[in-house]
Amino acid sequence: MITDINPKLPMRNRKRTRDFYENKLGFTDIGSEDFEVYLIMQKDQIQIHFFEFKELDPAENYGQVYIRTNDIDRLYQTFLDNKVSIHPNGQLQNKSWGQREFAILDPDNNLLTFGQSLPR
């Protein structure tokens, strides 16, 4: 009876990760300051967990999350308004597999792809 999933991604710097997710993407820190090497961020109904990996080489990070939304155009515009850099290959577009998607990279090169199903 699986009910939810919370991905865990690497981060090099907790403060920088929290700042990006809070101030650029609109997430809230719901973790505890007692755990300096762990971070839990939430937006609406999703959580992303982060673990400290100070030696992470962002160029070799393949962390990825696919996040579904029900208002992709508004979310995309909100990120643009917040000056979030859209991935060069991830501009908002309709995909042949029936999704409308865009993608961004966080400060540690974790790829966040946002998608909404296209009407059939």
PDB file of N, CA and C in Angstrom:
ATOM      1  N   MET A   1       0.811  -1.178   0.000  1.00  0.00           N
ATOM      2  CA  MET A   1       0.000   0.000   0.000  1.00  0.00           C
ATOM      3  C   MET A   1       0.866   1.257   0.000  1.00  0.00           C
ATOM      4  N   ILE A   2       1.547   1.503  -1.080  1.00  0.00           N
ATOM      5  CA  ILE A   2       2.411   2.675  -1.188  1.00  0.00           C
ATOM      6  C   ILE A   2       1.551   3.928  -1.327  1.00  0.00           C
ATOM      7  N   THR A   3       1.903   4.974  -0.600  1.00  0.00           N
ATOM      8  CA  THR A   3       1.072   6.183  -0.614  1.00  0.00           C
ATOM      9  C   THR A   3       1.802   7.442  -1.039  1.00  0.00           C
ATOM     10  N   ASP A   4       3.126   7.450  -1.050  1.00  0.00           N
ATOM     11  CA  ASP A   4       3.839   8.688  -1.331  1.00  0.00           C
ATOM     12  C   ASP A   4       5.289   8.366  -1.664  1.00  0.00           C
ATOM     13  N   ILE A   5       5.991   9.334  -2.236  1.00  0.00           N
ATOM     14  CA  ILE A   5       7.420   9.194  -2.484  1.00  0.00           C
ATOM     15  C   ILE A   5       8.092  10.535  -2.214  1.00  0.00           C
ATOM     16  N   ASN A   6       9.235  10.473  -1.572  1.00  0.00           N
ATOM     17  CA  ASN A   6      10.003  11.671  -1.246  1.00  0.00           C
ATOM     18  C   ASN A   6      11.441  11.454  -1.700  1.00  0.00           C
ATOM     19  N   PRO A   7      11.802  11.993  -2.854  1.00  0.00           N
ATOM     20  CA  PRO A   7      13.163  11.790  -3.345  1.00  0.00           C
ATOM     21  C   PRO A   7      14.193  12.426  -2.430  1.00  0.00           C
ATOM     22  N   LYS A   8      15.391  11.830  -2.413  1.00  0.00           N
ATOM     23  CA  LYS A   8      16.523  12.350  -1.657  1.00  0.00           C
ATOM     24  C   LYS A   8      17.616  12.705  -2.648  1.00  0.00           C
ATOM     25  N   LEU A   9      18.039  13.971  -2.615  1.00  0.00           N
ATOM     26  CA  LEU A   9      19.044  14.469  -3.549  1.00  0.00           C
ATOM     27  C   LEU A   9      20.258  14.980  -2.782  1.00  0.00           C
ATOM     28  N   PRO A  10      21.431  14.941  -3.405  1.00  0.00           N
ATOM     29  CA  PRO A  10      22.624  15.456  -2.743  1.00  0.00           C
ATOM     30  C   PRO A  10      22.687  16.980  -2.769  1.00  0.00           C
ATOM     31  N   MET A  11      23.311  17.533  -1.743  1.00  0.00           N
ATOM     32  CA  MET A  11      23.559  18.982  -1.685  1.00  0.00           C
ATOM     33  C   MET A  11      24.954  19.191  -1.106  1.00  0.00           C
ATOM     34  N   ARG A  12      25.614  20.231  -1.572  1.00  0.00           N
ATOM     35  CA  ARG A  12      26.927  20.576  -1.025  1.00  0.00           C
ATOM     36  C   ARG A  12      26.822  21.556   0.126  1.00  0.00           C
ATOM     37  N   ASN A  13      25.837  22.445   0.068  1.00  0.00           N
ATOM     38  CA  ASN A  13      25.733  23.525   1.037  1.00  0.00           C
ATOM     39  C   ASN A  13      24.267  23.709   1.416  1.00  0.00           C
ATOM     40  N   ARG A  14      23.940  23.386   2.659  1.00  0.00           N
ATOM     41  CA  ARG A  14      22.544  23.414   3.123  1.00  0.00           C
ATOM     42  C   ARG A  14      21.926  24.801   2.985  1.00  0.00           C
ATOM     43  N   LYS A  15      22.659  25.836   3.368  1.00  0.00           N
ATOM     44  CA  LYS A  15      22.116  27.198   3.307  1.00  0.00           C
ATOM     45  C   LYS A  15      21.813  27.606   1.868  1.00  0.00           C
ATOM     46  N   ARG A  16      22.718  27.328   0.963  1.00  0.00           N
ATOM     47  CA  ARG A  16      22.507  27.695  -0.441  1.00  0.00           C
ATOM     48  C   ARG A  16      21.339  26.905  -1.042  1.00  0.00           C
ATOM     49  N   THR A  17      21.236  25.629  -0.716  1.00  0.00           N
ATOM     50  CA  THR A  17      20.122  24.817  -1.218  1.00  0.00           C
ATOM     51  C   THR A  17      18.799  25.332  -0.681  1.00  0.00           C
ATOM     52  N   ARG A  18      18.735  25.580   0.615  1.00  0.00           N
ATOM     53  CA  ARG A  18      17.496  26.097   1.222  1.00  0.00           C
ATOM     54  C   ARG A  18      17.116  27.442   0.605  1.00  0.00           C
ATOM     55  N   ASP A  19      18.079  28.323   0.442  1.00  0.00           N
ATOM     56  CA  ASP A  19      17.816  29.633  -0.147  1.00  0.00           C
ATOM     57  C   ASP A  19      17.238  29.504  -1.558  1.00  0.00           C
ATOM     58  N   PHE A  20      17.813  28.653  -2.387  1.00  0.00           N
ATOM     59  CA  PHE A  20      17.330  28.463  -3.754  1.00  0.00           C
ATOM     60  C   PHE A  20      15.892  27.939  -3.767  1.00  0.00           C
ATOM     61  N   TYR A  21      15.639  26.899  -3.003  1.00  0.00           N
ATOM     62  CA  TYR A  21      14.301  26.299  -3.008  1.00  0.00           C
ATOM     63  C   TYR A  21      13.253  27.220  -2.379  1.00  0.00           C
ATOM     64  N   GLU A  22      13.623  27.956  -1.338  1.00  0.00           N
ATOM     65  CA  GLU A  22      12.678  28.890  -0.713  1.00  0.00           C
ATOM     66  C   GLU A  22      12.444  30.121  -1.581  1.00  0.00           C
ATOM     67  N   ASN A  23      13.496  30.816  -1.922  1.00  0.00           N
ATOM     68  CA  ASN A  23      13.379  32.130  -2.550  1.00  0.00           C
ATOM     69  C   ASN A  23      13.163  32.090  -4.053  1.00  0.00           C
ATOM     70  N   LYS A  24      13.596  31.061  -4.718  1.00  0.00           N
ATOM     71  CA  LYS A  24      13.413  30.961  -6.165  1.00  0.00           C
ATOM     72  C   LYS A  24      12.209  30.097  -6.542  1.00  0.00           C
ATOM     73  N   LEU A  25      12.023  28.977  -5.811  1.00  0.00           N
ATOM     74  CA  LEU A  25      10.986  28.024  -6.205  1.00  0.00           C
ATOM     75  C   LEU A  25       9.751  28.044  -5.311  1.00  0.00           C
ATOM     76  N   GLY A  26       9.816  28.732  -4.179  1.00  0.00           N
ATOM     77  CA  GLY A  26       8.637  28.851  -3.317  1.00  0.00           C
ATOM     78  C   GLY A  26       8.395  27.683  -2.385  1.00  0.00           C
ATOM     79  N   PHE A  27       9.421  26.893  -2.102  1.00  0.00           N
ATOM     80  CA  PHE A  27       9.295  25.797  -1.144  1.00  0.00           C
ATOM     81  C   PHE A  27       9.442  26.343   0.275  1.00  0.00           C
ATOM     82  N   THR A  28       9.065  25.521   1.251  1.00  0.00           N
ATOM     83  CA  THR A  28       9.201  25.842   2.664  1.00  0.00           C
ATOM     84  C   THR A  28      10.078  24.790   3.326  1.00  0.00           C
ATOM     85  N   ASP A  29      10.966  25.226   4.198  1.00  0.00           N
ATOM     86  CA  ASP A  29      11.805  24.310   4.970  1.00  0.00           C
ATOM     87  C   ASP A  29      10.949  23.729   6.082  1.00  0.00           C
ATOM     88  N   ILE A  30      10.715  22.427   6.056  1.00  0.00           N
ATOM     89  CA  ILE A  30       9.915  21.793   7.115  1.00  0.00           C
ATOM     90  C   ILE A  30      10.758  20.860   7.974  1.00  0.00           C
ATOM     91  N   GLY A  31      12.067  20.908   7.793  1.00  0.00           N
ATOM     92  CA  GLY A  31      12.963  20.064   8.575  1.00  0.00           C
ATOM     93  C   GLY A  31      13.311  20.700   9.901  1.00  0.00           C
ATOM     94  N   SER A  32      14.408  20.268  10.439  1.00  0.00           N
ATOM     95  CA  SER A  32      14.853  20.746  11.739  1.00  0.00           C
ATOM     96  C   SER A  32      16.276  21.282  11.628  1.00  0.00           C
ATOM     97  N   GLU A  33      16.530  22.379  12.293  1.00  0.00           N
ATOM     98  CA  GLU A  33      17.885  22.933  12.339  1.00  0.00           C
ATOM     99  C   GLU A  33      18.826  22.018  13.110  1.00  0.00           C
ATOM    100  N   ASP A  34      18.266  21.047  13.849  1.00  0.00           N
ATOM    101  CA  ASP A  34      19.088  20.122  14.627  1.00  0.00           C
ATOM    102  C   ASP A  34      19.898  19.182  13.739  1.00  0.00           C
ATOM    103  N   PHE A  35      19.507  19.058  12.479  1.00  0.00           N
ATOM    104  CA  PHE A  35      20.187  18.146  11.569  1.00  0.00           C
ATOM    105  C   PHE A  35      20.855  18.956  10.465  1.00  0.00           C
ATOM    106  N   GLU A  36      22.091  19.371  10.718  1.00  0.00           N
ATOM    107  CA  GLU A  36      22.803  20.247   9.798  1.00  0.00           C
ATOM    108  C   GLU A  36      23.124  19.595   8.462  1.00  0.00           C
ATOM    109  N   VAL A  37      23.090  18.271   8.407  1.00  0.00           N
ATOM    110  CA  VAL A  37      23.486  17.577   7.179  1.00  0.00           C
ATOM    111  C   VAL A  37      22.272  17.070   6.389  1.00  0.00           C
ATOM    112  N   TYR A  38      21.079  17.502   6.787  1.00  0.00           N
ATOM    113  CA  TYR A  38      19.857  17.036   6.132  1.00  0.00           C
ATOM    114  C   TYR A  38      18.892  18.206   6.007  1.00  0.00           C
ATOM    115  N   LEU A  39      18.102  18.204   4.938  1.00  0.00           N
ATOM    116  CA  LEU A  39      17.165  19.289   4.682  1.00  0.00           C
ATOM    117  C   LEU A  39      15.902  18.705   4.059  1.00  0.00           C
ATOM    118  N   ILE A  40      14.748  19.174   4.505  1.00  0.00           N
ATOM    119  CA  ILE A  40      13.469  18.746   3.927  1.00  0.00           C
ATOM    120  C   ILE A  40      12.729  19.999   3.468  1.00  0.00           C
ATOM    121  N   MET A  41      12.432  20.042   2.177  1.00  0.00           N
ATOM    122  CA  MET A  41      11.723  21.178   1.588  1.00  0.00           C
ATOM    123  C   MET A  41      10.373  20.694   1.058  1.00  0.00           C
ATOM    124  N   GLN A  42       9.338  21.521   1.230  1.00  0.00           N
ATOM    125  CA  GLN A  42       7.997  21.150   0.787  1.00  0.00           C
ATOM    126  C   GLN A  42       7.354  22.293   0.020  1.00  0.00           C
ATOM    127  N   LYS A  43       6.633  21.924  -1.028  1.00  0.00           N
ATOM    128  CA  LYS A  43       5.801  22.872  -1.780  1.00  0.00           C
ATOM    129  C   LYS A  43       4.522  22.131  -2.124  1.00  0.00           C
ATOM    130  N   ASP A  44       3.401  22.730  -1.756  1.00  0.00           N
ATOM    131  CA  ASP A  44       2.102  22.093  -1.965  1.00  0.00           C
ATOM    132  C   ASP A  44       2.157  20.689  -1.359  1.00  0.00           C
ATOM    133  N   GLN A  45       1.962  19.638  -2.164  1.00  0.00           N
ATOM    134  CA  GLN A  45       1.875  18.283  -1.637  1.00  0.00           C
ATOM    135  C   GLN A  45       3.150  17.460  -1.805  1.00  0.00           C
ATOM    136  N   ILE A  46       4.240  18.089  -2.258  1.00  0.00           N
ATOM    137  CA  ILE A  46       5.455  17.294  -2.457  1.00  0.00           C
ATOM    138  C   ILE A  46       6.562  17.720  -1.497  1.00  0.00           C
ATOM    139  N   GLN A  47       7.414  16.772  -1.192  1.00  0.00           N
ATOM    140  CA  GLN A  47       8.608  17.017  -0.394  1.00  0.00           C
ATOM    141  C   GLN A  47       9.814  16.523  -1.180  1.00  0.00           C
ATOM    142  N   ILE A  48      10.908  17.261  -1.048  1.00  0.00           N
ATOM    143  CA  ILE A  48      12.196  16.796  -1.540  1.00  0.00           C
ATOM    144  C   ILE A  48      13.141  16.843  -0.352  1.00  0.00           C
ATOM    145  N   HIS A  49      13.830  15.730  -0.122  1.00  0.00           N
ATOM    146  CA  HIS A  49      14.796  15.638   0.957  1.00  0.00           C
ATOM    147  C   HIS A  49      16.198  15.784   0.364  1.00  0.00           C
ATOM    148  N   PHE A  50      17.089  16.371   1.133  1.00  0.00           N
ATOM    149  CA  PHE A  50      18.471  16.577   0.697  1.00  0.00           C
ATOM    150  C   PHE A  50      19.417  16.069   1.766  1.00  0.00           C
ATOM    151  N   PHE A  51      20.482  15.422   1.342  1.00  0.00           N
ATOM    152  CA  PHE A  51      21.523  14.966   2.249  1.00  0.00           C
ATOM    153  C   PHE A  51      22.833  15.651   1.878  1.00  0.00           C
ATOM    154  N   GLU A  52      23.628  15.962   2.885  1.00  0.00           N
ATOM    155  CA  GLU A  52      24.891  16.653   2.637  1.00  0.00           C
ATOM    156  C   GLU A  52      25.891  15.734   1.944  1.00  0.00           C
ATOM    157  N   PHE A  53      26.504  16.271   0.898  1.00  0.00           N
ATOM    158  CA  PHE A  53      27.547  15.570   0.157  1.00  0.00           C
ATOM    159  C   PHE A  53      28.535  16.646  -0.286  1.00  0.00           C
ATOM    160  N   LYS A  54      29.378  17.076   0.650  1.00  0.00           N
ATOM    161  CA  LYS A  54      30.283  18.199   0.420  1.00  0.00           C
ATOM    162  C   LYS A  54      31.247  17.960  -0.743  1.00  0.00           C
ATOM    163  N   GLU A  55      31.600  16.706  -0.998  1.00  0.00           N
ATOM    164  CA  GLU A  55      32.559  16.394  -2.055  1.00  0.00           C
ATOM    165  C   GLU A  55      31.894  16.233  -3.426  1.00  0.00           C
ATOM    166  N   LEU A  56      30.606  16.474  -3.511  1.00  0.00           N
ATOM    167  CA  LEU A  56      29.887  16.314  -4.773  1.00  0.00           C
ATOM    168  C   LEU A  56      30.493  17.189  -5.860  1.00  0.00           C
ATOM    169  N   ASP A  57      30.747  16.598  -7.003  1.00  0.00           N
ATOM    170  CA  ASP A  57      31.163  17.347  -8.187  1.00  0.00           C
ATOM    171  C   ASP A  57      29.897  17.568  -9.013  1.00  0.00           C
ATOM    172  N   PRO A  58      29.378  18.802  -9.078  1.00  0.00           N
ATOM    173  CA  PRO A  58      28.126  19.035  -9.807  1.00  0.00           C
ATOM    174  C   PRO A  58      28.159  18.541 -11.249  1.00  0.00           C
ATOM    175  N   ALA A  59      29.321  18.571 -11.881  1.00  0.00           N
ATOM    176  CA  ALA A  59      29.424  18.110 -13.263  1.00  0.00           C
ATOM    177  C   ALA A  59      29.203  16.602 -13.376  1.00  0.00           C
ATOM    178  N   GLU A  60      29.308  15.892 -12.257  1.00  0.00           N
ATOM    179  CA  GLU A  60      29.116  14.441 -12.258  1.00  0.00           C
ATOM    180  C   GLU A  60      27.852  14.030 -11.502  1.00  0.00           C
ATOM    181  N   ASN A  61      26.989  14.981 -11.195  1.00  0.00           N
ATOM    182  CA  ASN A  61      25.757  14.686 -10.467  1.00  0.00           C
ATOM    183  C   ASN A  61      24.643  14.360 -11.449  1.00  0.00           C
ATOM    184  N   TYR A  62      24.035  13.209 -11.272  1.00  0.00           N
ATOM    185  CA  TYR A  62      22.939  12.784 -12.138  1.00  0.00           C
ATOM    186  C   TYR A  62      21.609  12.710 -11.387  1.00  0.00           C
ATOM    187  N   GLY A  63      21.509  13.431 -10.253  1.00  0.00           N
ATOM    188  CA  GLY A  63      20.257  13.468  -9.508  1.00  0.00           C
ATOM    189  C   GLY A  63      19.152  14.089 -10.353  1.00  0.00           C
ATOM    190  N   GLN A  64      18.003  13.419 -10.392  1.00  0.00           N
ATOM    191  CA  GLN A  64      16.881  13.898 -11.196  1.00  0.00           C
ATOM    192  C   GLN A  64      15.563  13.598 -10.497  1.00  0.00           C
ATOM    193  N   VAL A  65      14.614  14.508 -10.659  1.00  0.00           N
ATOM    194  CA  VAL A  65      13.263  14.312 -10.134  1.00  0.00           C
ATOM    195  C   VAL A  65      12.279  14.811 -11.187  1.00  0.00           C
ATOM    196  N   TYR A  66      11.218  14.042 -11.405  1.00  0.00           N
ATOM    197  CA  TYR A  66      10.124  14.470 -12.286  1.00  0.00           C
ATOM    198  C   TYR A  66       8.960  14.859 -11.387  1.00  0.00           C
ATOM    199  N   ILE A  67       8.504  16.101 -11.502  1.00  0.00           N
ATOM    200  CA  ILE A  67       7.452  16.634 -10.635  1.00  0.00           C
ATOM    201  C   ILE A  67       6.232  16.971 -11.488  1.00  0.00           C
ATOM    202  N   ARG A  68       5.112  16.402 -11.149  1.00  0.00           N
ATOM    203  CA  ARG A  68       3.872  16.672 -11.884  1.00  0.00           C
ATOM    204  C   ARG A  68       3.175  17.900 -11.294  1.00  0.00           C
ATOM    205  N   THR A  69       2.520  18.646 -12.175  1.00  0.00           N
ATOM    206  CA  THR A  69       1.785  19.836 -11.766  1.00  0.00           C
ATOM    207  C   THR A  69       0.462  19.885 -12.526  1.00  0.00           C
ATOM    208  N   ASN A  70      -0.487  20.665 -12.026  1.00  0.00           N
ATOM    209  CA  ASN A  70      -1.760  20.810 -12.733  1.00  0.00           C
ATOM    210  C   ASN A  70      -1.918  22.207 -13.342  1.00  0.00           C
ATOM    211  N   ASP A  71      -0.843  23.021 -13.285  1.00  0.00           N
ATOM    212  CA  ASP A  71      -0.872  24.353 -13.903  1.00  0.00           C
ATOM    213  C   ASP A  71       0.540  24.733 -14.337  1.00  0.00           C
ATOM    214  N   ILE A  72       1.037  24.016 -15.315  1.00  0.00           N
ATOM    215  CA  ILE A  72       2.435  24.161 -15.727  1.00  0.00           C
ATOM    216  C   ILE A  72       2.753  25.547 -16.265  1.00  0.00           C
ATOM    217  N   ASP A  73       1.815  26.147 -16.980  1.00  0.00           N
ATOM    218  CA  ASP A  73       2.081  27.468 -17.542  1.00  0.00           C
ATOM    219  C   ASP A  73       2.267  28.513 -16.442  1.00  0.00           C
ATOM    220  N   ARG A  74       1.441  28.461 -15.429  1.00  0.00           N
ATOM    221  CA  ARG A  74       1.573  29.409 -14.315  1.00  0.00           C
ATOM    222  C   ARG A  74       2.859  29.156 -13.527  1.00  0.00           C
ATOM    223  N   LEU A  75       3.177  27.879 -13.282  1.00  0.00           N
ATOM    224  CA  LEU A  75       4.403  27.556 -12.566  1.00  0.00           C
ATOM    225  C   LEU A  75       5.628  28.043 -13.338  1.00  0.00           C
ATOM    226  N   TYR A  76       5.642  27.815 -14.629  1.00  0.00           N
ATOM    227  CA  TYR A  76       6.746  28.261 -15.486  1.00  0.00           C
ATOM    228  C   TYR A  76       6.903  29.778 -15.415  1.00  0.00           C
ATOM    229  N   GLN A  77       5.797  30.499 -15.515  1.00  0.00           N
ATOM    230  CA  GLN A  77       5.853  31.959 -15.457  1.00  0.00           C
ATOM    231  C   GLN A  77       6.326  32.447 -14.086  1.00  0.00           C
ATOM    232  N   THR A  78       5.890  31.782 -13.031  1.00  0.00           N
ATOM    233  CA  THR A  78       6.339  32.137 -11.685  1.00  0.00           C
ATOM    234  C   THR A  78       7.848  31.986 -11.565  1.00  0.00           C
ATOM    235  N   PHE A  79       8.384  30.893 -12.105  1.00  0.00           N
ATOM    236  CA  PHE A  79       9.833  30.694 -12.055  1.00  0.00           C
ATOM    237  C   PHE A  79      10.550  31.754 -12.885  1.00  0.00           C
ATOM    238  N   LEU A  80      10.013  32.086 -14.041  1.00  0.00           N
ATOM    239  CA  LEU A  80      10.619  33.153 -14.846  1.00  0.00           C
ATOM    240  C   LEU A  80      10.604  34.476 -14.084  1.00  0.00           C
ATOM    241  N   ASP A  81       9.480  34.779 -13.439  1.00  0.00           N
ATOM    242  CA  ASP A  81       9.363  36.009 -12.654  1.00  0.00           C
ATOM    243  C   ASP A  81      10.381  36.044 -11.510  1.00  0.00           C
ATOM    244  N   ASN A  82      10.703  34.857 -10.965  1.00  0.00           N
ATOM    245  CA  ASN A  82      11.669  34.751  -9.871  1.00  0.00           C
ATOM    246  C   ASN A  82      13.106  34.620 -10.383  1.00  0.00           C
ATOM    247  N   LYS A  83      13.270  34.796 -11.686  1.00  0.00           N
ATOM    248  CA  LYS A  83      14.596  34.749 -12.326  1.00  0.00           C
ATOM    249  C   LYS A  83      15.287  33.401 -12.151  1.00  0.00           C
ATOM    250  N   VAL A  84      14.495  32.322 -12.205  1.00  0.00           N
ATOM    251  CA  VAL A  84      15.040  30.971 -12.184  1.00  0.00           C
ATOM    252  C   VAL A  84      15.544  30.657 -13.587  1.00  0.00           C
ATOM    253  N   SER A  85      16.763  30.166 -13.682  1.00  0.00           N
ATOM    254  CA  SER A  85      17.318  29.802 -14.988  1.00  0.00           C
ATOM    255  C   SER A  85      16.703  28.501 -15.467  1.00  0.00           C
ATOM    256  N   ILE A  86      16.111  28.549 -16.645  1.00  0.00           N
ATOM    257  CA  ILE A  86      15.542  27.352 -17.259  1.00  0.00           C
ATOM    258  C   ILE A  86      16.678  26.606 -17.947  1.00  0.00           C
ATOM    259  N   HIS A  87      16.672  25.287 -17.839  1.00  0.00           N
ATOM    260  CA  HIS A  87      17.711  24.474 -18.471  1.00  0.00           C
ATOM    261  C   HIS A  87      17.738  24.774 -19.972  1.00  0.00           C
ATOM    262  N   PRO A  88      18.933  24.917 -20.579  1.00  0.00           N
ATOM    263  CA  PRO A  88      19.007  25.257 -22.010  1.00  0.00           C
ATOM    264  C   PRO A  88      18.238  24.301 -22.911  1.00  0.00           C
ATOM    265  N   ASN A  89      18.156  23.026 -22.512  1.00  0.00           N
ATOM    266  CA  ASN A  89      17.396  22.045 -23.301  1.00  0.00           C
ATOM    267  C   ASN A  89      16.027  21.771 -22.684  1.00  0.00           C
ATOM    268  N   GLY A  90      15.597  22.626 -21.758  1.00  0.00           N
ATOM    269  CA  GLY A  90      14.375  22.344 -21.020  1.00  0.00           C
ATOM    270  C   GLY A  90      13.339  23.440 -21.061  1.00  0.00           C
ATOM    271  N   GLN A  91      13.290  24.209 -22.142  1.00  0.00           N
ATOM    272  CA  GLN A  91      12.258  25.241 -22.273  1.00  0.00           C
ATOM    273  C   GLN A  91      10.873  24.596 -22.276  1.00  0.00           C
ATOM    274  N   LEU A  92       9.877  25.323 -21.848  1.00  0.00           N
ATOM    275  CA  LEU A  92       8.506  24.822 -21.813  1.00  0.00           C
ATOM    276  C   LEU A  92       8.051  24.437 -23.216  1.00  0.00           C
ATOM    277  N   GLN A  93       7.643  23.181 -23.355  1.00  0.00           N
ATOM    278  CA  GLN A  93       7.159  22.716 -24.654  1.00  0.00           C
ATOM    279  C   GLN A  93       6.334  21.448 -24.496  1.00  0.00           C
ATOM    280  N   ASN A  94       5.502  21.199 -25.498  1.00  0.00           N
ATOM    281  CA  ASN A  94       4.728  19.966 -25.553  1.00  0.00           C
ATOM    282  C   ASN A  94       5.615  18.862 -26.103  1.00  0.00           C
ATOM    283  N   LYS A  95       5.591  17.718 -25.455  1.00  0.00           N
ATOM    284  CA  LYS A  95       6.420  16.578 -25.842  1.00  0.00           C
ATOM    285  C   LYS A  95       5.568  15.536 -26.556  1.00  0.00           C
ATOM    286  N   SER A  96       6.212  14.759 -27.400  1.00  0.00           N
ATOM    287  CA  SER A  96       5.493  13.743 -28.182  1.00  0.00           C
ATOM    288  C   SER A  96       4.898  12.644 -27.308  1.00  0.00           C
ATOM    289  N   TRP A  97       5.357  12.525 -26.086  1.00  0.00           N
ATOM    290  CA  TRP A  97       4.831  11.496 -25.187  1.00  0.00           C
ATOM    291  C   TRP A  97       3.655  11.999 -24.348  1.00  0.00           C
ATOM    292  N   GLY A  98       3.060  13.119 -24.754  1.00  0.00           N
ATOM    293  CA  GLY A  98       1.823  13.576 -24.141  1.00  0.00           C
ATOM    294  C   GLY A  98       1.986  14.425 -22.892  1.00  0.00           C
ATOM    295  N   GLN A  99       3.155  15.022 -22.726  1.00  0.00           N
ATOM    296  CA  GLN A  99       3.403  15.882 -21.568  1.00  0.00           C
ATOM    297  C   GLN A  99       3.800  17.272 -22.028  1.00  0.00           C
ATOM    298  N   ARG A 100       3.449  18.269 -21.250  1.00  0.00           N
ATOM    299  CA  ARG A 100       3.950  19.638 -21.413  1.00  0.00           C
ATOM    300  C   ARG A 100       4.965  19.796 -20.299  1.00  0.00           C
ATOM    301  N   GLU A 101       6.238  20.116 -20.628  1.00  0.00           N
ATOM    302  CA  GLU A 101       7.320  20.043 -19.662  1.00  0.00           C
ATOM    303  C   GLU A 101       8.283  21.216 -19.766  1.00  0.00           C
ATOM    304  N   PHE A 102       9.002  21.443 -18.664  1.00  0.00           N
ATOM    305  CA  PHE A 102      10.199  22.282 -18.649  1.00  0.00           C
ATOM    306  C   PHE A 102      11.113  21.756 -17.551  1.00  0.00           C
ATOM    307  N   ALA A 103      12.380  22.187 -17.573  1.00  0.00           N
ATOM    308  CA  ALA A 103      13.352  21.670 -16.616  1.00  0.00           C
ATOM    309  C   ALA A 103      14.281  22.774 -16.128  1.00  0.00           C
ATOM    310  N   ILE A 104      14.752  22.608 -14.896  1.00  0.00           N
ATOM    311  CA  ILE A 104      15.732  23.517 -14.299  1.00  0.00           C
ATOM    312  C   ILE A 104      16.798  22.684 -13.590  1.00  0.00           C
ATOM    313  N   LEU A 105      17.909  23.333 -13.277  1.00  0.00           N
ATOM    314  CA  LEU A 105      18.954  22.734 -12.458  1.00  0.00           C
ATOM    315  C   LEU A 105      19.051  23.501 -11.151  1.00  0.00           C
ATOM    316  N   ASP A 106      19.199  22.781 -10.048  1.00  0.00           N
ATOM    317  CA  ASP A 106      19.403  23.464  -8.772  1.00  0.00           C
ATOM    318  C   ASP A 106      20.893  23.756  -8.596  1.00  0.00           C
ATOM    319  N   PRO A 107      21.308  24.372  -7.491  1.00  0.00           N
ATOM    320  CA  PRO A 107      22.716  24.753  -7.336  1.00  0.00           C
ATOM    321  C   PRO A 107      23.711  23.589  -7.383  1.00  0.00           C
ATOM    322  N   ASP A 108      23.238  22.360  -7.210  1.00  0.00           N
ATOM    323  CA  ASP A 108      24.118  21.195  -7.243  1.00  0.00           C
ATOM    324  C   ASP A 108      23.949  20.362  -8.507  1.00  0.00           C
ATOM    325  N   ASN A 109      23.272  20.932  -9.497  1.00  0.00           N
ATOM    326  CA  ASN A 109      23.019  20.276 -10.787  1.00  0.00           C
ATOM    327  C   ASN A 109      22.031  19.121 -10.690  1.00  0.00           C
ATOM    328  N   ASN A 110      21.189  19.094  -9.667  1.00  0.00           N
ATOM    329  CA  ASN A 110      20.071  18.156  -9.652  1.00  0.00           C
ATOM    330  C   ASN A 110      19.061  18.670 -10.673  1.00  0.00           C
ATOM    331  N   LEU A 111      18.632  17.799 -11.574  1.00  0.00           N
ATOM    332  CA  LEU A 111      17.691  18.182 -12.624  1.00  0.00           C
ATOM    333  C   LEU A 111      16.262  18.024 -12.114  1.00  0.00           C
ATOM    334  N   LEU A 112      15.497  19.109 -12.149  1.00  0.00           N
ATOM    335  CA  LEU A 112      14.083  19.079 -11.787  1.00  0.00           C
ATOM    336  C   LEU A 112      13.285  19.294 -13.056  1.00  0.00           C
ATOM    337  N   THR A 113      12.525  18.293 -13.457  1.00  0.00           N
ATOM    338  CA  THR A 113      11.661  18.405 -14.627  1.00  0.00           C
ATOM    339  C   THR A 113      10.225  18.496 -14.128  1.00  0.00           C
ATOM    340  N   PHE A 114       9.502  19.478 -14.624  1.00  0.00           N
ATOM    341  CA  PHE A 114       8.104  19.697 -14.246  1.00  0.00           C
ATOM    342  C   PHE A 114       7.243  19.344 -15.440  1.00  0.00           C
ATOM    343  N   GLY A 115       6.174  18.586 -15.210  1.00  0.00           N
ATOM    344  CA  GLY A 115       5.351  18.153 -16.319  1.00  0.00           C
ATOM    345  C   GLY A 115       3.872  18.113 -15.985  1.00  0.00           C
ATOM    346  N   GLN A 116       3.082  18.291 -17.031  1.00  0.00           N
ATOM    347  CA  GLN A 116       1.627  18.193 -16.934  1.00  0.00           C
ATOM    348  C   GLN A 116       1.147  17.407 -18.141  1.00  0.00           C
ATOM    349  N   SER A 117       0.233  16.483 -17.911  1.00  0.00           N
ATOM    350  CA  SER A 117      -0.322  15.703 -19.006  1.00  0.00           C
ATOM    351  C   SER A 117      -1.131  16.591 -19.939  1.00  0.00           C
ATOM    352  N   LEU A 118      -0.939  16.380 -21.228  1.00  0.00           N
ATOM    353  CA  LEU A 118      -1.718  17.100 -22.237  1.00  0.00           C
ATOM    354  C   LEU A 118      -3.088  16.427 -22.377  1.00  0.00           C
ATOM    355  N   PRO A 119      -4.122  17.215 -22.670  1.00  0.00           N
ATOM    356  CA  PRO A 119      -5.433  16.607 -22.898  1.00  0.00           C
ATOM    357  C   PRO A 119      -5.380  15.667 -24.093  1.00  0.00           C
ATOM    358  N   ARG A 120      -6.123  14.614 -24.025  1.00  0.00           N
ATOM    359  CA  ARG A 120      -6.148  13.640 -25.139  1.00  0.00           C
ATOM    360  C   ARG A 120      -7.302  13.882 -26.032  1.00  0.00           C
TER     361      ARG A 120
END
